[in-house]
């Protein structure tokens, strides 16, 4: 599916304003989705030991830095 079609559907649902930015409803939906994915991921992280969690964070830092440098946030 093309991005323009997705954006058009989101605009029709009131999630994106005419300016192209998220509307209040769009921001609320994004926050609900972020919260839900955080809650769903928590058990996987909770099962790690502190040392394993530290290693995971260290392993992911280069990927995070590359995404930040690419402007993905």
PDB file of N, CA and C in Angstrom:
ATOM      1  N   UNK A   1       0.844  -1.167   0.000  1.00  0.00           N
ATOM      2  CA  UNK A   1       0.000   0.000   0.000  1.00  0.00           C
ATOM      3  C   UNK A   1       0.894   1.237   0.000  1.00  0.00           C
ATOM      4  N   UNK A   2       0.516   2.205  -0.754  1.00  0.00           N
ATOM      5  CA  UNK A   2       1.312   3.426  -0.829  1.00  0.00           C
ATOM      6  C   UNK A   2       1.062   4.307   0.381  1.00  0.00           C
ATOM      7  N   UNK A   3       2.098   5.007   0.766  1.00  0.00           N
ATOM      8  CA  UNK A   3       2.031   5.862   1.937  1.00  0.00           C
ATOM      9  C   UNK A   3       0.919   6.905   1.811  1.00  0.00           C
ATOM     10  N   UNK A   4       0.750   7.475   0.642  1.00  0.00           N
ATOM     11  CA  UNK A   4      -0.283   8.508   0.456  1.00  0.00           C
ATOM     12  C   UNK A   4      -1.667   7.953   0.763  1.00  0.00           C
ATOM     13  N   UNK A   5      -1.922   6.716   0.378  1.00  0.00           N
ATOM     14  CA  UNK A   5      -3.228   6.104   0.646  1.00  0.00           C
ATOM     15  C   UNK A   5      -3.425   5.906   2.150  1.00  0.00           C
ATOM     16  N   UNK A   6      -2.375   5.509   2.829  1.00  0.00           N
ATOM     17  CA  UNK A   6      -2.447   5.328   4.284  1.00  0.00           C
ATOM     18  C   UNK A   6      -2.721   6.670   4.958  1.00  0.00           C
ATOM     19  N   UNK A   7      -2.003   7.699   4.558  1.00  0.00           N
ATOM     20  CA  UNK A   7      -2.188   9.025   5.137  1.00  0.00           C
ATOM     21  C   UNK A   7      -3.608   9.523   4.866  1.00  0.00           C
ATOM     22  N   UNK A   8      -4.115   9.308   3.653  1.00  0.00           N
ATOM     23  CA  UNK A   8      -5.476   9.723   3.330  1.00  0.00           C
ATOM     24  C   UNK A   8      -6.490   9.035   4.227  1.00  0.00           C
ATOM     25  N   UNK A   9      -6.313   7.746   4.459  1.00  0.00           N
ATOM     26  CA  UNK A   9      -7.242   7.027   5.335  1.00  0.00           C
ATOM     27  C   UNK A   9      -7.141   7.540   6.773  1.00  0.00           C
ATOM     28  N   UNK A  10      -5.925   7.827   7.217  1.00  0.00           N
ATOM     29  CA  UNK A  10      -5.761   8.372   8.566  1.00  0.00           C
ATOM     30  C   UNK A  10      -6.401   9.754   8.668  1.00  0.00           C
ATOM     31  N   UNK A  11      -6.297  10.542   7.610  1.00  0.00           N
ATOM     32  CA  UNK A  11      -6.912  11.869   7.598  1.00  0.00           C
ATOM     33  C   UNK A  11      -8.439  11.724   7.656  1.00  0.00           C
ATOM     34  N   UNK A  12      -8.992  10.785   6.919  1.00  0.00           N
ATOM     35  CA  UNK A  12     -10.440  10.545   6.936  1.00  0.00           C
ATOM     36  C   UNK A  12     -10.917  10.115   8.324  1.00  0.00           C
ATOM     37  N   UNK A  13     -10.064   9.439   9.059  1.00  0.00           N
ATOM     38  CA  UNK A  13     -10.417   8.991  10.417  1.00  0.00           C
ATOM     39  C   UNK A  13     -10.166  10.081  11.455  1.00  0.00           C
ATOM     40  N   UNK A  14      -9.682  11.233  11.018  1.00  0.00           N
ATOM     41  CA  UNK A  14      -9.450  12.339  11.935  1.00  0.00           C
ATOM     42  C   UNK A  14      -8.148  12.237  12.700  1.00  0.00           C
ATOM     43  N   UNK A  15      -7.235  11.398  12.242  1.00  0.00           N
ATOM     44  CA  UNK A  15      -5.969  11.205  12.947  1.00  0.00           C
ATOM     45  C   UNK A  15      -4.871  12.160  12.478  1.00  0.00           C
ATOM     46  N   UNK A  16      -5.051  12.706  11.282  1.00  0.00           N
ATOM     47  CA  UNK A  16      -4.067  13.627  10.712  1.00  0.00           C
ATOM     48  C   UNK A  16      -4.794  14.893  10.273  1.00  0.00           C
ATOM     49  N   UNK A  17      -4.208  16.026  10.613  1.00  0.00           N
ATOM     50  CA  UNK A  17      -4.775  17.320  10.233  1.00  0.00           C
ATOM     51  C   UNK A  17      -4.415  17.654   8.788  1.00  0.00           C
ATOM     52  N   UNK A  18      -5.037  18.680   8.257  1.00  0.00           N
ATOM     53  CA  UNK A  18      -4.747  19.130   6.890  1.00  0.00           C
ATOM     54  C   UNK A  18      -3.275  19.502   6.726  1.00  0.00           C
ATOM     55  N   UNK A  19      -2.648  19.928   7.832  1.00  0.00           N
ATOM     56  CA  UNK A  19      -1.231  20.306   7.793  1.00  0.00           C
ATOM     57  C   UNK A  19      -0.310  19.102   7.591  1.00  0.00           C
ATOM     58  N   UNK A  20      -0.855  17.904   7.784  1.00  0.00           N
ATOM     59  CA  UNK A  20      -0.047  16.693   7.670  1.00  0.00           C
ATOM     60  C   UNK A  20       0.463  16.171   8.997  1.00  0.00           C
ATOM     61  N   UNK A  21       0.233  16.921  10.078  1.00  0.00           N
ATOM     62  CA  UNK A  21       0.660  16.512  11.407  1.00  0.00           C
ATOM     63  C   UNK A  21      -0.466  15.793  12.120  1.00  0.00           C
ATOM     64  N   UNK A  22      -0.105  15.015  13.136  1.00  0.00           N
ATOM     65  CA  UNK A  22      -1.118  14.301  13.904  1.00  0.00           C
ATOM     66  C   UNK A  22      -2.073  15.277  14.576  1.00  0.00           C
ATOM     67  N   UNK A  23      -3.338  14.926  14.552  1.00  0.00           N
ATOM     68  CA  UNK A  23      -4.347  15.691  15.282  1.00  0.00           C
ATOM     69  C   UNK A  23      -4.298  15.265  16.748  1.00  0.00           C
ATOM     70  N   UNK A  24      -5.108  15.899  17.574  1.00  0.00           N
ATOM     71  CA  UNK A  24      -5.193  15.478  18.977  1.00  0.00           C
ATOM     72  C   UNK A  24      -5.577  14.001  19.049  1.00  0.00           C
ATOM     73  N   UNK A  25      -6.552  13.600  18.233  1.00  0.00           N
ATOM     74  CA  UNK A  25      -6.979  12.192  18.211  1.00  0.00           C
ATOM     75  C   UNK A  25      -5.847  11.294  17.724  1.00  0.00           C
ATOM     76  N   UNK A  26      -5.068  11.771  16.766  1.00  0.00           N
ATOM     77  CA  UNK A  26      -3.933  10.998  16.270  1.00  0.00           C
ATOM     78  C   UNK A  26      -2.861  10.821  17.328  1.00  0.00           C
ATOM     79  N   UNK A  27      -2.593  11.886  18.076  1.00  0.00           N
ATOM     80  CA  UNK A  27      -1.606  11.794  19.160  1.00  0.00           C
ATOM     81  C   UNK A  27      -2.098  10.853  20.256  1.00  0.00           C
ATOM     82  N   UNK A  28      -3.382  10.923  20.568  1.00  0.00           N
ATOM     83  CA  UNK A  28      -3.938  10.021  21.582  1.00  0.00           C
ATOM     84  C   UNK A  28      -3.841   8.565  21.124  1.00  0.00           C
ATOM     85  N   UNK A  29      -4.129   8.310  19.854  1.00  0.00           N
ATOM     86  CA  UNK A  29      -4.011   6.945  19.325  1.00  0.00           C
ATOM     87  C   UNK A  29      -2.577   6.463  19.378  1.00  0.00           C
ATOM     88  N   UNK A  30      -1.648   7.343  19.005  1.00  0.00           N
ATOM     89  CA  UNK A  30      -0.232   6.986  19.037  1.00  0.00           C
ATOM     90  C   UNK A  30       0.194   6.652  20.464  1.00  0.00           C
ATOM     91  N   UNK A  31      -0.235   7.458  21.427  1.00  0.00           N
ATOM     92  CA  UNK A  31       0.121   7.207  22.826  1.00  0.00           C
ATOM     93  C   UNK A  31      -0.461   5.879  23.317  1.00  0.00           C
ATOM     94  N   UNK A  32      -1.704   5.566  22.925  1.00  0.00           N
ATOM     95  CA  UNK A  32      -2.313   4.282  23.319  1.00  0.00           C
ATOM     96  C   UNK A  32      -1.541   3.108  22.719  1.00  0.00           C
ATOM     97  N   UNK A  33      -1.153   3.235  21.462  1.00  0.00           N
ATOM     98  CA  UNK A  33      -0.401   2.167  20.792  1.00  0.00           C
ATOM     99  C   UNK A  33       0.962   1.987  21.447  1.00  0.00           C
ATOM    100  N   UNK A  34       1.648   3.095  21.737  1.00  0.00           N
ATOM    101  CA  UNK A  34       2.960   3.016  22.397  1.00  0.00           C
ATOM    102  C   UNK A  34       2.830   2.344  23.761  1.00  0.00           C
ATOM    103  N   UNK A  35       1.815   2.714  24.521  1.00  0.00           N
ATOM    104  CA  UNK A  35       1.602   2.116  25.841  1.00  0.00           C
ATOM    105  C   UNK A  35       1.314   0.627  25.733  1.00  0.00           C
ATOM    106  N   UNK A  36       0.474   0.262  24.782  1.00  0.00           N
ATOM    107  CA  UNK A  36       0.139  -1.146  24.590  1.00  0.00           C
ATOM    108  C   UNK A  36       1.369  -1.966  24.204  1.00  0.00           C
ATOM    109  N   UNK A  37       2.172  -1.464  23.277  1.00  0.00           N
ATOM    110  CA  UNK A  37       3.357  -2.223  22.874  1.00  0.00           C
ATOM    111  C   UNK A  37       4.369  -2.306  24.007  1.00  0.00           C
ATOM    112  N   UNK A  38       4.483  -1.240  24.806  1.00  0.00           N
ATOM    113  CA  UNK A  38       5.370  -1.294  25.979  1.00  0.00           C
ATOM    114  C   UNK A  38       4.905  -2.375  26.952  1.00  0.00           C
ATOM    115  N   UNK A  39       3.601  -2.405  27.218  1.00  0.00           N
ATOM    116  CA  UNK A  39       3.054  -3.409  28.146  1.00  0.00           C
ATOM    117  C   UNK A  39       3.226  -4.825  27.615  1.00  0.00           C
ATOM    118  N   UNK A  40       3.060  -5.002  26.306  1.00  0.00           N
ATOM    119  CA  UNK A  40       3.217  -6.336  25.725  1.00  0.00           C
ATOM    120  C   UNK A  40       4.677  -6.793  25.734  1.00  0.00           C
ATOM    121  N   UNK A  41       5.604  -5.860  25.625  1.00  0.00           N
ATOM    122  CA  UNK A  41       7.028  -6.207  25.595  1.00  0.00           C
ATOM    123  C   UNK A  41       7.607  -6.415  26.995  1.00  0.00           C
ATOM    124  N   UNK A  42       6.980  -5.845  27.999  1.00  0.00           N
ATOM    125  CA  UNK A  42       7.534  -5.879  29.359  1.00  0.00           C
ATOM    126  C   UNK A  42       7.876  -7.280  29.859  1.00  0.00           C
ATOM    127  N   UNK A  43       7.027  -8.291  29.670  1.00  0.00           N
ATOM    128  CA  UNK A  43       7.383  -9.614  30.196  1.00  0.00           C
ATOM    129  C   UNK A  43       8.697 -10.165  29.631  1.00  0.00           C
ATOM    130  N   UNK A  44       8.977  -9.873  28.386  1.00  0.00           N
ATOM    131  CA  UNK A  44      10.231 -10.357  27.798  1.00  0.00           C
ATOM    132  C   UNK A  44      11.435  -9.721  28.491  1.00  0.00           C
ATOM    133  N   UNK A  45      11.338  -8.435  28.782  1.00  0.00           N
ATOM    134  CA  UNK A  45      12.445  -7.749  29.463  1.00  0.00           C
ATOM    135  C   UNK A  45      12.512  -8.133  30.929  1.00  0.00           C
ATOM    136  N   UNK A  46      11.364  -8.355  31.548  1.00  0.00           N
ATOM    137  CA  UNK A  46      11.329  -8.729  32.963  1.00  0.00           C
ATOM    138  C   UNK A  46      12.008 -10.068  33.220  1.00  0.00           C
ATOM    139  N   UNK A  47      12.061 -10.924  32.199  1.00  0.00           N
ATOM    140  CA  UNK A  47      12.658 -12.245  32.377  1.00  0.00           C
ATOM    141  C   UNK A  47      14.189 -12.211  32.305  1.00  0.00           C
ATOM    142  N   UNK A  48      14.745 -11.069  31.889  1.00  0.00           N
ATOM    143  CA  UNK A  48      16.202 -10.958  31.780  1.00  0.00           C
ATOM    144  C   UNK A  48      16.824 -10.627  33.138  1.00  0.00           C
ATOM    145  N   UNK A  49      18.004 -11.158  33.343  1.00  0.00           N
ATOM    146  CA  UNK A  49      18.768 -10.765  34.528  1.00  0.00           C
ATOM    147  C   UNK A  49      19.302  -9.350  34.297  1.00  0.00           C
ATOM    148  N   UNK A  50      19.717  -8.666  35.354  1.00  0.00           N
ATOM    149  CA  UNK A  50      20.298  -7.331  35.151  1.00  0.00           C
ATOM    150  C   UNK A  50      21.486  -7.342  34.176  1.00  0.00           C
ATOM    151  N   UNK A  51      22.307  -8.348  34.252  1.00  0.00           N
ATOM    152  CA  UNK A  51      23.463  -8.435  33.341  1.00  0.00           C
ATOM    153  C   UNK A  51      23.001  -8.645  31.899  1.00  0.00           C
ATOM    154  N   UNK A  52      21.994  -9.481  31.708  1.00  0.00           N
ATOM    155  CA  UNK A  52      21.469  -9.699  30.350  1.00  0.00           C
ATOM    156  C   UNK A  52      20.825  -8.429  29.799  1.00  0.00           C
ATOM    157  N   UNK A  53      20.125  -7.705  30.642  1.00  0.00           N
ATOM    158  CA  UNK A  53      19.509  -6.457  30.207  1.00  0.00           C
ATOM    159  C   UNK A  53      20.579  -5.430  29.838  1.00  0.00           C
ATOM    160  N   UNK A  54      21.633  -5.341  30.640  1.00  0.00           N
ATOM    161  CA  UNK A  54      22.745  -4.441  30.311  1.00  0.00           C
ATOM    162  C   UNK A  54      23.369  -4.810  28.974  1.00  0.00           C
ATOM    163  N   UNK A  55      23.532  -6.115  28.724  1.00  0.00           N
ATOM    164  CA  UNK A  55      24.121  -6.562  27.463  1.00  0.00           C
ATOM    165  C   UNK A  55      23.204  -6.240  26.292  1.00  0.00           C
ATOM    166  N   UNK A  56      21.909  -6.431  26.468  1.00  0.00           N
ATOM    167  CA  UNK A  56      20.953  -6.106  25.408  1.00  0.00           C
ATOM    168  C   UNK A  56      21.019  -4.623  25.070  1.00  0.00           C
ATOM    169  N   UNK A  57      21.052  -3.790  26.082  1.00  0.00           N
ATOM    170  CA  UNK A  57      21.127  -2.346  25.855  1.00  0.00           C
ATOM    171  C   UNK A  57      22.416  -1.997  25.119  1.00  0.00           C
ATOM    172  N   UNK A  58      23.520  -2.579  25.540  1.00  0.00           N
ATOM    173  CA  UNK A  58      24.804  -2.317  24.873  1.00  0.00           C
ATOM    174  C   UNK A  58      24.771  -2.779  23.420  1.00  0.00           C
ATOM    175  N   UNK A  59      24.153  -3.928  23.173  1.00  0.00           N
ATOM    176  CA  UNK A  59      24.067  -4.452  21.805  1.00  0.00           C
ATOM    177  C   UNK A  59      23.176  -3.590  20.914  1.00  0.00           C
ATOM    178  N   UNK A  60      22.158  -2.971  21.501  1.00  0.00           N
ATOM    179  CA  UNK A  60      21.213  -2.177  20.714  1.00  0.00           C
ATOM    180  C   UNK A  60      21.647  -0.728  20.527  1.00  0.00           C
ATOM    181  N   UNK A  61      22.595  -0.253  21.320  1.00  0.00           N
ATOM    182  CA  UNK A  61      23.019   1.142  21.220  1.00  0.00           C
ATOM    183  C   UNK A  61      23.498   1.534  19.821  1.00  0.00           C
ATOM    184  N   UNK A  62      24.306   0.724  19.120  1.00  0.00           N
ATOM    185  CA  UNK A  62      24.723   1.132  17.767  1.00  0.00           C
ATOM    186  C   UNK A  62      23.539   1.237  16.797  1.00  0.00           C
ATOM    187  N   UNK A  63      22.571   0.359  16.950  1.00  0.00           N
ATOM    188  CA  UNK A  63      21.390   0.422  16.083  1.00  0.00           C
ATOM    189  C   UNK A  63      20.598   1.695  16.385  1.00  0.00           C
ATOM    190  N   UNK A  64      20.418   1.980  17.664  1.00  0.00           N
ATOM    191  CA  UNK A  64      19.708   3.194  18.076  1.00  0.00           C
ATOM    192  C   UNK A  64      20.411   4.446  17.561  1.00  0.00           C
ATOM    193  N   UNK A  65      21.726   4.469  17.660  1.00  0.00           N
ATOM    194  CA  UNK A  65      22.500   5.626  17.179  1.00  0.00           C
ATOM    195  C   UNK A  65      22.351   5.801  15.676  1.00  0.00           C
ATOM    196  N   UNK A  66      22.365   4.692  14.947  1.00  0.00           N
ATOM    197  CA  UNK A  66      22.205   4.776  13.487  1.00  0.00           C
ATOM    198  C   UNK A  66      20.816   5.288  13.119  1.00  0.00           C
ATOM    199  N   UNK A  67      19.800   4.830  13.840  1.00  0.00           N
ATOM    200  CA  UNK A  67      18.442   5.314  13.570  1.00  0.00           C
ATOM    201  C   UNK A  67      18.298   6.794  13.910  1.00  0.00           C
ATOM    202  N   UNK A  68      18.892   7.212  15.022  1.00  0.00           N
ATOM    203  CA  UNK A  68      18.875   8.632  15.383  1.00  0.00           C
ATOM    204  C   UNK A  68      19.568   9.475  14.318  1.00  0.00           C
ATOM    205  N   UNK A  69      20.723   9.004  13.847  1.00  0.00           N
ATOM    206  CA  UNK A  69      21.469   9.736  12.831  1.00  0.00           C
ATOM    207  C   UNK A  69      20.688   9.846  11.527  1.00  0.00           C
ATOM    208  N   UNK A  70      19.845   8.841  11.265  1.00  0.00           N
ATOM    209  CA  UNK A  70      19.042   8.860  10.037  1.00  0.00           C
ATOM    210  C   UNK A  70      17.771   9.693  10.205  1.00  0.00           C
ATOM    211  N   UNK A  71      17.548  10.199  11.423  1.00  0.00           N
ATOM    212  CA  UNK A  71      16.375  11.033  11.658  1.00  0.00           C
ATOM    213  C   UNK A  71      15.088  10.252  11.799  1.00  0.00           C
ATOM    214  N   UNK A  72      15.153   9.049  12.348  1.00  0.00           N
ATOM    215  CA  UNK A  72      13.966   8.197  12.415  1.00  0.00           C
ATOM    216  C   UNK A  72      13.031   8.522  13.555  1.00  0.00           C
ATOM    217  N   UNK A  73      13.379   9.434  14.428  1.00  0.00           N
ATOM    218  CA  UNK A  73      12.499   9.744  15.570  1.00  0.00           C
ATOM    219  C   UNK A  73      11.461  10.712  15.213  1.00  0.00           C
TER     220      UNK A  73
END
